[in-house]
Protein backbone atom coordinates (compact mmCIF):
# COMPACT_ATOMS: atom_id res chain seq x y z
CA MET A 1 0.20 0.00 0.14
CA GLN A 2 2.85 2.21 0.96
CA GLU A 3 4.45 1.68 -2.64
CA ILE A 4 1.17 2.23 -4.38
CA VAL A 5 0.76 5.52 -2.42
CA GLU A 6 4.07 6.96 -3.18
CA ASP A 7 3.78 6.24 -6.88
CA LEU A 8 0.27 7.83 -6.90
CA GLN A 9 1.79 10.99 -5.21
CA MET A 10 4.94 11.02 -7.66
CA LEU A 11 2.21 10.93 -10.56
CA ALA A 12 0.14 13.61 -8.96
CA ARG A 13 3.51 15.67 -8.36
CA LYS A 14 5.29 14.99 -11.77
CA GLY A 15 2.61 14.06 -14.35
CA LYS A 16 2.41 17.72 -15.49
CA SER A 17 4.66 18.89 -18.36
CA VAL A 18 8.15 19.48 -17.68
CA GLU A 19 9.16 23.29 -17.55
CA GLU A 20 12.89 23.08 -17.08
CA THR A 21 15.27 20.60 -18.59
CA GLU A 22 19.24 20.07 -18.48
CA ARG A 23 21.95 18.53 -20.32
CA LEU A 24 22.40 15.08 -18.80
CA ARG A 25 24.88 12.25 -19.13
CA PHE A 26 22.50 9.32 -19.98
CA GLY A 27 24.92 6.83 -18.74
CA GLU A 28 25.54 8.57 -15.32
CA VAL A 29 21.67 8.79 -14.75
CA ALA A 30 21.07 5.21 -15.72
CA GLU A 31 23.72 3.95 -13.26
CA ALA A 32 22.40 6.60 -10.54
CA ALA A 33 19.01 4.93 -10.97
CA TRP A 34 20.22 1.08 -11.09
CA ALA A 35 21.86 1.84 -7.36
CA THR A 36 18.50 2.74 -6.09
CA VAL A 37 16.89 -0.58 -7.30
CA ARG A 38 17.25 -4.04 -5.74
CA THR A 39 18.91 -5.69 -8.58
CA ASP A 40 20.45 -8.59 -6.93
CA ASP A 41 22.42 -10.61 -9.44
CA ALA A 42 21.11 -8.37 -12.27
CA THR A 43 23.48 -6.58 -14.75
CA LEU A 44 23.29 -3.09 -16.36
CA THR A 45 25.20 -2.20 -19.38
CA VAL A 46 25.43 1.00 -21.16
CA ALA A 47 25.69 0.02 -24.78
CA ARG A 48 25.97 3.37 -26.10
CA ASP A 49 26.20 6.75 -23.87
CA GLY A 50 25.68 10.30 -25.03
CA ASP A 51 23.81 13.51 -23.57
CA VAL A 52 20.24 13.96 -23.47
CA VAL A 53 18.22 16.75 -22.29
CA ALA A 54 15.68 15.96 -19.78
CA ASP A 55 14.40 16.64 -16.38
CA ARG A 56 16.76 14.51 -14.12
CA SER A 57 14.17 13.16 -11.30
CA ARG A 58 11.85 12.09 -14.17
CA LEU A 59 14.38 10.37 -16.05
CA LEU A 60 15.62 8.62 -12.89
CA SER A 61 11.90 7.63 -12.25
CA ILE A 62 11.71 6.18 -15.81
CA PHE A 63 14.94 3.94 -15.28
CA GLU A 64 13.91 3.00 -11.86
CA ASN A 65 10.72 1.63 -12.85
CA LEU A 66 11.95 -0.08 -15.95
CA PHE A 67 14.92 -1.85 -14.20
CA GLY A 68 12.65 -2.61 -11.37
CA ASN A 69 10.22 -4.15 -13.73
CA SER A 70 12.82 -6.09 -15.56
CA VAL A 71 13.98 -7.82 -12.30
CA LEU A 72 10.61 -8.33 -11.08
CA HIS A 73 9.73 -10.18 -14.45
CA ALA A 74 12.82 -11.44 -15.91
CA GLY A 75 14.71 -12.84 -12.70
CA ARG A 76 17.57 -11.76 -10.74
CA GLY A 77 19.97 -12.83 -13.38
CA VAL A 78 18.67 -10.55 -16.07
CA THR A 79 20.96 -8.47 -17.93
CA VAL A 80 19.57 -4.77 -18.78
CA GLU A 81 20.96 -2.86 -21.66
CA VAL A 82 20.58 0.87 -22.27
CA ALA A 83 21.34 2.76 -25.36
CA VAL A 84 21.15 6.27 -26.71
CA ALA A 85 20.30 6.76 -30.26
CA ASP A 86 19.52 9.82 -32.46
CA GLY A 87 16.34 11.51 -31.15
CA GLY A 88 15.75 8.75 -28.54
CA PHE A 89 17.20 5.99 -26.36
CA ARG A 90 16.19 2.49 -25.68
CA VAL A 91 16.00 0.03 -22.29
CA ALA A 92 16.01 -3.53 -23.17
CA ASP A 93 16.55 -6.87 -21.07
CA ASP A 94 17.08 -10.34 -21.91
CA GLY A 95 14.22 -11.79 -19.98
CA PRO A 96 11.21 -13.53 -21.62
CA GLY A 97 9.86 -10.46 -23.04
CA ILE A 98 6.15 -8.99 -23.37
CA PRO A 99 3.77 -11.01 -25.67
CA SER A 100 2.49 -9.04 -28.41
CA LYS A 101 -0.98 -9.25 -27.51
CA GLU A 102 -0.14 -7.50 -24.03
CA ARG A 103 1.71 -4.53 -25.49
CA ASP A 104 -1.27 -2.46 -25.62
CA VAL A 105 -2.36 -2.74 -22.16
CA VAL A 106 0.76 -3.06 -20.18
CA PHE A 107 1.21 0.79 -19.82
CA GLU A 108 -2.38 0.98 -18.38
CA TYR A 109 -2.79 1.79 -14.61
CA GLY A 110 -3.25 -1.24 -12.48
CA TYR A 111 -2.08 -3.64 -15.14
CA THR A 112 0.26 -6.31 -13.93
CA THR A 113 0.78 -10.15 -14.34
CA SER A 114 2.74 -10.43 -11.04
CA ARG A 115 1.45 -10.89 -7.33
CA ARG A 116 4.05 -8.78 -6.26
CA GLY A 117 3.71 -5.75 -8.79
CA ASN A 118 1.23 -2.93 -8.11
CA GLY A 119 0.51 -2.28 -11.74
CA LEU A 120 1.77 1.30 -11.52
CA GLY A 121 5.55 1.04 -12.75
CA LEU A 122 4.85 1.20 -16.62
CA SER A 123 2.05 3.80 -15.91
CA VAL A 124 4.54 5.96 -14.13
CA VAL A 125 7.17 5.49 -17.15
CA ARG A 126 4.81 6.34 -19.80
CA THR A 127 3.63 9.47 -17.55
CA MET A 128 7.19 10.56 -17.04
CA ALA A 129 8.02 10.30 -20.91
CA GLU A 130 4.76 11.88 -21.92
CA SER A 131 5.56 15.00 -19.52
CA HIS A 132 8.53 15.44 -21.69
CA GLY A 133 6.61 15.23 -24.95
CA TRP A 134 8.35 11.86 -25.60
CA THR A 135 6.67 8.76 -26.77
CA VAL A 136 7.43 5.27 -25.56
CA SER A 137 6.72 2.02 -27.33
CA ILE A 138 7.61 -1.59 -26.89
CA ALA A 139 9.63 -3.00 -29.94
CA ASP A 140 9.94 -6.37 -31.47
CA ALA A 141 13.17 -7.99 -30.12
CA ASP A 142 14.84 -11.41 -30.55
CA ALA A 143 14.49 -11.92 -26.92
CA GLY A 144 13.30 -9.79 -23.91
CA ALA A 145 11.64 -6.57 -23.65
CA ARG A 146 12.49 -3.59 -25.71
CA PHE A 147 11.38 -0.03 -24.72
CA VAL A 148 11.94 2.64 -27.10
CA PHE A 149 11.74 6.19 -26.36
CA ASP A 150 11.33 8.77 -29.21
CA GLY A 151 11.11 12.58 -29.52
CA VAL A 152 14.14 12.94 -27.18
CA LEU A 153 16.71 15.62 -27.97
CA THR A 154 20.00 13.43 -27.66
CA VAL A 155 23.72 13.49 -28.70
CA PRO A 156 25.02 10.01 -28.78
CA ASP A 157 28.67 9.41 -28.55
CA THR A 158 30.68 8.83 -31.85
CA VAL A 159 32.52 5.49 -31.91
CA GLY A 160 34.89 6.26 -34.72
CA ASP A 161 34.77 5.47 -38.58
CA GLY A 162 32.25 2.86 -39.24
CA GLY A 163 31.29 2.49 -35.53
CA PRO A 164 27.46 2.84 -34.17
CA GLY A 165 27.99 6.37 -34.11
CA ALA A 166 28.93 6.85 -37.60
CA ALA A 167 26.44 4.26 -38.93
CA GLU A 168 23.56 6.06 -37.14
CA GLY A 169 24.85 9.69 -38.15
CA VAL A 170 25.80 12.40 -35.49
CA GLY A 171 25.32 15.52 -36.51
CA ASN A 172 25.21 17.22 -33.08
CA ALA A 173 29.00 18.23 -32.54
CA GLU A 174 28.01 21.91 -31.88
CA PHE A 175 25.71 20.87 -29.04
CA VAL A 176 28.26 18.63 -27.65
CA ALA A 177 30.81 21.28 -27.48
CA GLY A 178 28.31 24.07 -26.39
CA ASP A 179 27.27 24.95 -22.80
CA ALA A 180 24.61 23.04 -20.86
CA SER A 181 21.42 24.30 -22.91
CA ALA A 182 20.81 24.11 -26.58
CA PRO A 183 22.28 26.51 -28.81
CA ASP A 184 20.25 29.85 -29.74
CA ASP A 185 18.50 28.74 -32.71
CA GLU A 186 15.29 27.32 -33.72
CA SER A 187 15.63 24.34 -31.46
CA ASP A 188 14.15 24.25 -28.03
CA PRO A 189 15.21 21.81 -25.26
CA ASP A 190 11.45 21.59 -24.15
CA ASP A 191 10.29 20.98 -27.81
CA ALA A 192 10.01 17.24 -27.97
CA SER A 193 9.82 17.02 -31.71
CA ALA A 194 13.43 18.26 -31.80
CA THR A 195 16.05 15.67 -32.44
CA GLY A 196 19.01 17.97 -32.37
CA PRO A 197 19.91 21.64 -32.52
């Protein structure tokens, strides 16, 4: 009951649109969230790091709920992988995954398939994403669950010629080299439709 009350209070406080954002190191925020969740023998991998423009507390909430969900449904030995992409990021695990017929309902308030769950974790994730103007969806994966966030102002790290950074195309060097806010042009960090300055 206490967990449910805390989740509902957070939704009431943070469910509104984000007013202030900052440039954050994606991997650092993910690791900070990982440290707050009981993960037992689970493993976190930052497959691709970079910078994201977000509200730190809401991004932490997204990670904490997804990490907790992975451990709850996939087991203590699950491996969770996070990665930045142009215009978004993903959180995936190597657990049993989410059946396609359930993907439309897992974000609904109160939906759970576990006796230990309260059905609010993924609702919190969706609310925190939407408060930024982002979208979150569950993508097809060879194994496990794969959550994809789009509409995020991101600057993935480059990995050299032919690496993941080069393959996906990173045209945001000016933003990386600039200060903590987006440059003074037509882009707005609070405008979720922007994928780069």
